[in-house]
Each structure stands twice: as structure tokens, then as C-alpha cells.
């Protein structure tokens, strides 16, 4: 999956620097090593929510990827191609029994601070944004059953799916996911709120999405779009061999509309990161 990255300028206001508090949860044991230049394959697995919750391993993974996941940065906030953090490392950590995914993220943050002396701050900028509003004919979102639950996606293990005759991913019966193949993308989700929808749209559009719909509650959705070409405005044709662009898919399939505007947004500025981690 390729996030669409937008580079923005026009600094307005620097905010406070961030470092992990001393009482943050930590891995029981953790090893971080510079990856061998002879290794090409990248792989990650384990941790909370997987078949191996007690051990998390990653090999030949760029530091920027781990930083993005640990802090939940959006694509427009912190580019995976950030020059500071392109070196690849091998990680192995023992995760305490019963750790949640939220705690796991905090452990990663603590690991980054301890081993890489990672520090950053946010800066507010004026940038292109989208306002998400109701479409002319109203929302097409399908309310979730009251007892439905949505499993949090996990980035270290790939989503299981096949490709249908129309080129779009097909997920196992009753399971959701977000995946793409041959420029055909599909997001099947259950019991998701508007903030969760906005977060995903922000990632794939590469800019902040501001919810102006006023919609509450949780919804099931099945959104399909193509990324054969880039469209900046919401008024775009539903054409092309890869299917509708994301803006049009949101309008036609969800009954919502993305209006392009200028507005405030926060981006990440890295204050410090060591090129070589502290010894294990």
C-alpha cells in the first residue's frame, strides 16, 4: 500500500518537544541491531493481537516505519521517506504477558527514546485540507449492529485476501481489512466511527481531513477505489481502468463529500535521532 505524501511549507508556530515519560511501559528485553546490507527482504511479526503475542520481531525495517507506527503519525505529518530515519534495523523484543496494543505502542516509543534518543515536536502549518461534509443526497453509511465489534488492524502482519474478478481484494467471510492489488483498493470495516474513517481518508489522501458531517455512531462500510491517477478536487469523473479515485468513491459509495480548502495542520519535526542505537 502506498500512502500519498504531500510536502508542505509555510511554518507558523513551533510547539513543544516530545519525549517519553520515565514511567512509560517497557519491553522486558529488547535487541536493536543495524541490518546487514546483504539482506533485502523485510519482515515483521508477533506482538499483541497475533499468534505470537509474547515476541515481536522485525528484520531490515526502516526506522521511519517504526516511528510512524509507534506514535501514530499521519502520512502528511511524517513522511516514511524522512531523510533522518532511512537506516534499517533488526528488532527483537519480549512483550509482557497481557500487554494491549496501546501499551505495545508505548513500549515502542520508550524503545525509540532509550536506544535512539528520539525527540520531536509538532509545528502548525497552513496546508491543503479536505472538509468532509454530507453529500447532496445524504449519507449512505450503514449503521452497525449494536453488539458488533471492530478488531484493530495490525501492521506487522499482512492482511489475508484474494483478488476478485473485478480486480478488488476479497477478504474472508465476516472479516474486514484494507488492501490493494494492481491499483485496486478496498476497505471493508465493521463498527467504525467517523474519526476512524477520517483517519484512514487522511492517510490515503495525504492531507488532513476535517469532519464536518455531524454524524455520530458506528458503521459498517465497503469502500472501493483506484489509484491509477491523482485527483486534487472532489468533483472528478468516475472513469479509468482502476476504478473511481478515492474522492469520488467517498461521494458515490458513502454519500459524503470532500471539499478541498486551506487550513491548519500539524507536521512532525525531528529534533534528534541517533544514527546508531545504544548498545543492547
Foldseek 3Di string as FASTA:
>chain_A
DDWDADDDDAFDFWDDKDAADPPQDAFPDKAKFFADPVDDDWAWDEDPPHPHNFKTKIHFAWQLVLVCVLVVDACHFGPSVPVVTGGGMIMMTTHDPPDDPNSVSSNSRNQQCQWWVWMKTKTKGKDKEWEKAFAPVGWPFAAADPPDDWDDDDPRDDADFDADPLRETDHPPPHFDWDHDPQKIKGWTGFAFPVVVQRVVCRRLNHHYHYPHPDGGGGTFIFIAGPPDDDDALPDDQDDSRTHHPSPRCCPRTRMHIGIDIDMDMHMDIPGTHPGTDHD
